[in-house]
Amino acid sequence: AKTEQKSLILVVPLLLIGGLPTILGAVVGYYYNFTAFDTFFDGLAIGGILYVILPIIKTLFRETNTSRTVYLGVFLGFILGFAVNLL
C-alpha cells in the first residue's frame, strides 16, 4: 500500500505537468484565436509532454541500444506535429 501511495504521489505531478498546458491552451484558444497564443501554448504543451514522456522512454529502453533511435523518433514526431499546427 505504501508503494502504491508513493507512485501515486509521483504520477499526479507528472500528469499535471504533461496535461495542464494542453488543457490551458485549449481553453485560451477557444476564446482567443491569436497565432502568438497558439505558438506559445503549443510550445508549453510539447515541452510538458516531452518532460513526462522522455524519462518513461528512457526507463523502458535502458537495457537496449535503440534508445537514440527512439529519442530521435519522438523528437522528430513532435517537430512534425508542431510544424503541422503552424500551418
N, C-alpha and C. Protein backbone atom coordinates (compact mmCIF):
# COMPACT_ATOMS: atom_id res chain seq x y z
N ALA A 1 0.83 -1.20 0.00
CA ALA A 1 0.00 0.00 0.00
C ALA A 1 0.87 1.26 0.00
N LYS A 2 2.01 1.17 0.69
CA LYS A 2 2.89 2.33 0.76
C LYS A 2 3.54 2.61 -0.60
N THR A 3 3.86 1.54 -1.35
CA THR A 3 4.46 1.70 -2.66
C THR A 3 3.46 2.33 -3.63
N GLU A 4 2.18 1.91 -3.55
CA GLU A 4 1.15 2.49 -4.42
C GLU A 4 0.97 3.97 -4.13
N GLN A 5 1.01 4.34 -2.85
CA GLN A 5 0.85 5.74 -2.48
C GLN A 5 2.04 6.56 -2.98
N LYS A 6 3.24 5.99 -2.89
CA LYS A 6 4.43 6.70 -3.36
C LYS A 6 4.38 6.90 -4.88
N SER A 7 3.95 5.87 -5.61
CA SER A 7 3.87 6.01 -7.06
C SER A 7 2.76 6.98 -7.46
N LEU A 8 1.68 7.04 -6.70
CA LEU A 8 0.61 8.00 -6.97
C LEU A 8 1.09 9.42 -6.73
N ILE A 9 1.90 9.61 -5.70
CA ILE A 9 2.46 10.93 -5.42
C ILE A 9 3.39 11.36 -6.56
N LEU A 10 4.04 10.43 -7.21
CA LEU A 10 4.92 10.74 -8.34
C LEU A 10 4.12 10.98 -9.62
N VAL A 11 3.06 10.22 -9.83
CA VAL A 11 2.31 10.29 -11.09
C VAL A 11 1.47 11.56 -11.19
N VAL A 12 0.86 12.01 -10.11
CA VAL A 12 -0.04 13.17 -10.16
C VAL A 12 0.69 14.44 -10.62
N PRO A 13 1.86 14.79 -10.07
CA PRO A 13 2.55 15.97 -10.61
C PRO A 13 2.96 15.82 -12.07
N LEU A 14 3.36 14.62 -12.47
CA LEU A 14 3.71 14.40 -13.88
C LEU A 14 2.49 14.55 -14.77
N LEU A 15 1.34 14.11 -14.29
CA LEU A 15 0.10 14.28 -15.04
C LEU A 15 -0.22 15.76 -15.21
N LEU A 16 -0.04 16.54 -14.16
CA LEU A 16 -0.30 17.97 -14.24
C LEU A 16 0.70 18.67 -15.17
N ILE A 17 1.97 18.28 -15.09
CA ILE A 17 2.98 18.89 -15.95
C ILE A 17 2.71 18.55 -17.41
N GLY A 18 2.32 17.33 -17.69
CA GLY A 18 2.09 16.92 -19.07
C GLY A 18 0.76 17.36 -19.63
N GLY A 19 -0.27 17.45 -18.80
CA GLY A 19 -1.60 17.74 -19.31
C GLY A 19 -2.11 19.14 -19.11
N LEU A 20 -1.66 19.81 -18.08
CA LEU A 20 -2.19 21.13 -17.76
C LEU A 20 -1.92 22.16 -18.86
N PRO A 21 -0.71 22.24 -19.44
CA PRO A 21 -0.52 23.21 -20.52
C PRO A 21 -1.42 22.94 -21.73
N THR A 22 -1.68 21.68 -22.01
CA THR A 22 -2.55 21.34 -23.13
C THR A 22 -3.97 21.79 -22.87
N ILE A 23 -4.47 21.52 -21.67
CA ILE A 23 -5.83 21.92 -21.32
C ILE A 23 -5.94 23.43 -21.26
N LEU A 24 -4.98 24.08 -20.66
CA LEU A 24 -4.99 25.54 -20.56
C LEU A 24 -4.93 26.17 -21.95
N GLY A 25 -4.11 25.62 -22.82
CA GLY A 25 -4.03 26.13 -24.19
C GLY A 25 -5.33 25.95 -24.95
N ALA A 26 -6.01 24.83 -24.72
CA ALA A 26 -7.30 24.60 -25.38
C ALA A 26 -8.35 25.60 -24.91
N VAL A 27 -8.37 25.87 -23.61
CA VAL A 27 -9.34 26.82 -23.06
C VAL A 27 -9.07 28.22 -23.58
N VAL A 28 -7.83 28.66 -23.53
CA VAL A 28 -7.49 30.00 -24.02
C VAL A 28 -7.72 30.08 -25.53
N GLY A 29 -7.35 29.04 -26.26
CA GLY A 29 -7.54 29.02 -27.70
C GLY A 29 -8.99 29.03 -28.13
N TYR A 30 -9.87 28.54 -27.26
CA TYR A 30 -11.30 28.56 -27.57
C TYR A 30 -11.83 29.99 -27.56
N TYR A 31 -11.34 30.80 -26.65
CA TYR A 31 -11.84 32.17 -26.52
C TYR A 31 -11.04 33.17 -27.35
N TYR A 32 -9.75 32.96 -27.50
CA TYR A 32 -8.89 33.89 -28.23
C TYR A 32 -8.14 33.13 -29.29
N ASN A 33 -8.20 33.59 -30.51
CA ASN A 33 -7.52 32.90 -31.60
C ASN A 33 -6.42 33.79 -32.17
N PHE A 34 -5.29 33.82 -31.46
CA PHE A 34 -4.13 34.58 -31.90
C PHE A 34 -3.00 33.60 -32.20
N THR A 35 -2.26 33.86 -33.25
CA THR A 35 -1.15 32.99 -33.62
C THR A 35 -0.09 32.92 -32.53
N ALA A 36 0.15 34.04 -31.86
CA ALA A 36 1.14 34.05 -30.78
C ALA A 36 0.70 33.15 -29.63
N PHE A 37 -0.60 33.18 -29.28
CA PHE A 37 -1.11 32.29 -28.24
C PHE A 37 -0.99 30.83 -28.67
N ASP A 38 -1.34 30.55 -29.92
CA ASP A 38 -1.24 29.18 -30.42
C ASP A 38 0.18 28.66 -30.32
N THR A 39 1.12 29.45 -30.76
CA THR A 39 2.52 29.04 -30.73
C THR A 39 3.02 28.87 -29.31
N PHE A 40 2.66 29.82 -28.43
CA PHE A 40 3.10 29.76 -27.04
C PHE A 40 2.57 28.52 -26.34
N PHE A 41 1.27 28.26 -26.48
CA PHE A 41 0.69 27.11 -25.79
C PHE A 41 1.07 25.78 -26.44
N ASP A 42 1.33 25.77 -27.74
CA ASP A 42 1.87 24.56 -28.36
C ASP A 42 3.25 24.25 -27.79
N GLY A 43 4.06 25.29 -27.64
CA GLY A 43 5.39 25.09 -27.05
C GLY A 43 5.31 24.59 -25.62
N LEU A 44 4.40 25.16 -24.83
CA LEU A 44 4.22 24.69 -23.46
C LEU A 44 3.75 23.25 -23.42
N ALA A 45 2.79 22.92 -24.28
CA ALA A 45 2.27 21.56 -24.29
C ALA A 45 3.33 20.56 -24.73
N ILE A 46 4.07 20.89 -25.77
CA ILE A 46 5.11 19.98 -26.25
C ILE A 46 6.20 19.82 -25.19
N GLY A 47 6.60 20.92 -24.57
CA GLY A 47 7.61 20.83 -23.52
C GLY A 47 7.14 20.00 -22.34
N GLY A 48 5.89 20.20 -21.92
CA GLY A 48 5.35 19.42 -20.80
C GLY A 48 5.24 17.95 -21.13
N ILE A 49 4.78 17.65 -22.32
CA ILE A 49 4.64 16.25 -22.72
C ILE A 49 6.01 15.59 -22.84
N LEU A 50 6.96 16.28 -23.43
CA LEU A 50 8.32 15.71 -23.52
C LEU A 50 8.93 15.51 -22.14
N TYR A 51 8.66 16.44 -21.22
CA TYR A 51 9.19 16.33 -19.86
C TYR A 51 8.70 15.06 -19.19
N VAL A 52 7.49 14.65 -19.52
CA VAL A 52 6.93 13.44 -18.92
C VAL A 52 7.31 12.19 -19.72
N ILE A 53 7.27 12.27 -21.03
CA ILE A 53 7.45 11.08 -21.85
C ILE A 53 8.91 10.62 -21.92
N LEU A 54 9.85 11.54 -22.03
CA LEU A 54 11.25 11.13 -22.20
C LEU A 54 11.80 10.31 -21.04
N PRO A 55 11.53 10.65 -19.77
CA PRO A 55 12.01 9.75 -18.71
C PRO A 55 11.37 8.36 -18.76
N ILE A 56 10.11 8.30 -19.19
CA ILE A 56 9.45 7.00 -19.32
C ILE A 56 10.13 6.18 -20.41
N ILE A 57 10.40 6.81 -21.54
CA ILE A 57 11.08 6.11 -22.63
C ILE A 57 12.48 5.70 -22.21
N LYS A 58 13.14 6.56 -21.46
CA LYS A 58 14.50 6.25 -21.00
C LYS A 58 14.51 4.99 -20.14
N THR A 59 13.53 4.86 -19.24
CA THR A 59 13.49 3.67 -18.39
C THR A 59 13.07 2.43 -19.18
N LEU A 60 12.24 2.60 -20.19
CA LEU A 60 11.81 1.45 -20.98
C LEU A 60 12.94 0.88 -21.82
N PHE A 61 13.78 1.75 -22.35
CA PHE A 61 14.84 1.31 -23.26
C PHE A 61 16.23 1.40 -22.64
N ARG A 62 16.30 1.36 -21.33
CA ARG A 62 17.58 1.49 -20.64
C ARG A 62 18.53 0.35 -20.99
N GLU A 63 17.99 -0.84 -21.17
CA GLU A 63 18.84 -2.01 -21.37
C GLU A 63 19.18 -2.27 -22.84
N THR A 64 18.59 -1.50 -23.74
CA THR A 64 18.86 -1.75 -25.16
C THR A 64 19.66 -0.60 -25.76
N ASN A 65 20.16 -0.83 -26.94
CA ASN A 65 20.95 0.19 -27.63
C ASN A 65 20.11 1.03 -28.59
N THR A 66 18.80 0.85 -28.58
CA THR A 66 17.94 1.57 -29.52
C THR A 66 17.43 2.89 -28.95
N SER A 67 17.94 3.31 -27.80
CA SER A 67 17.38 4.50 -27.17
C SER A 67 17.60 5.76 -28.00
N ARG A 68 18.72 5.88 -28.67
CA ARG A 68 18.95 7.07 -29.51
C ARG A 68 17.95 7.14 -30.65
N THR A 69 17.67 6.00 -31.25
CA THR A 69 16.69 5.96 -32.33
C THR A 69 15.31 6.33 -31.82
N VAL A 70 14.95 5.84 -30.64
CA VAL A 70 13.65 6.16 -30.07
C VAL A 70 13.57 7.65 -29.74
N TYR A 71 14.60 8.20 -29.12
CA TYR A 71 14.62 9.64 -28.81
C TYR A 71 14.50 10.47 -30.09
N LEU A 72 15.21 10.07 -31.12
CA LEU A 72 15.15 10.79 -32.39
C LEU A 72 13.75 10.70 -32.99
N GLY A 73 13.14 9.53 -32.92
CA GLY A 73 11.79 9.37 -33.44
C GLY A 73 10.77 10.21 -32.70
N VAL A 74 10.87 10.25 -31.37
CA VAL A 74 9.96 11.08 -30.58
C VAL A 74 10.18 12.55 -30.89
N PHE A 75 11.42 12.97 -30.96
CA PHE A 75 11.73 14.36 -31.26
C PHE A 75 11.21 14.77 -32.63
N LEU A 76 11.48 13.95 -33.63
CA LEU A 76 11.01 14.27 -34.98
C LEU A 76 9.49 14.25 -35.07
N GLY A 77 8.86 13.36 -34.33
CA GLY A 77 7.39 13.33 -34.30
C GLY A 77 6.81 14.60 -33.73
N PHE A 78 7.40 15.09 -32.64
CA PHE A 78 6.92 16.34 -32.06
C PHE A 78 7.20 17.53 -32.96
N ILE A 79 8.35 17.55 -33.61
CA ILE A 79 8.66 18.64 -34.53
C ILE A 79 7.67 18.63 -35.70
N LEU A 80 7.37 17.45 -36.23
CA LEU A 80 6.42 17.34 -37.32
C LEU A 80 5.02 17.79 -36.88
N GLY A 81 4.60 17.37 -35.69
CA GLY A 81 3.31 17.81 -35.17
C GLY A 81 3.25 19.30 -34.96
N PHE A 82 4.33 19.87 -34.46
CA PHE A 82 4.39 21.31 -34.25
C PHE A 82 4.33 22.05 -35.58
N ALA A 83 5.03 21.53 -36.58
CA ALA A 83 5.02 22.16 -37.91
C ALA A 83 3.62 22.10 -38.53
N VAL A 84 2.92 20.99 -38.34
CA VAL A 84 1.56 20.87 -38.86
C VAL A 84 0.64 21.88 -38.17
N ASN A 85 0.82 22.08 -36.87
CA ASN A 85 0.00 23.06 -36.15
C ASN A 85 0.26 24.48 -36.62
N LEU A 86 1.47 24.77 -37.06
CA LEU A 86 1.78 26.11 -37.54
C LEU A 86 1.13 26.42 -38.88
N LEU A 87 0.83 25.37 -39.64
CA LEU A 87 0.19 25.58 -40.95
C LEU A 87 -1.22 25.92 -40.75
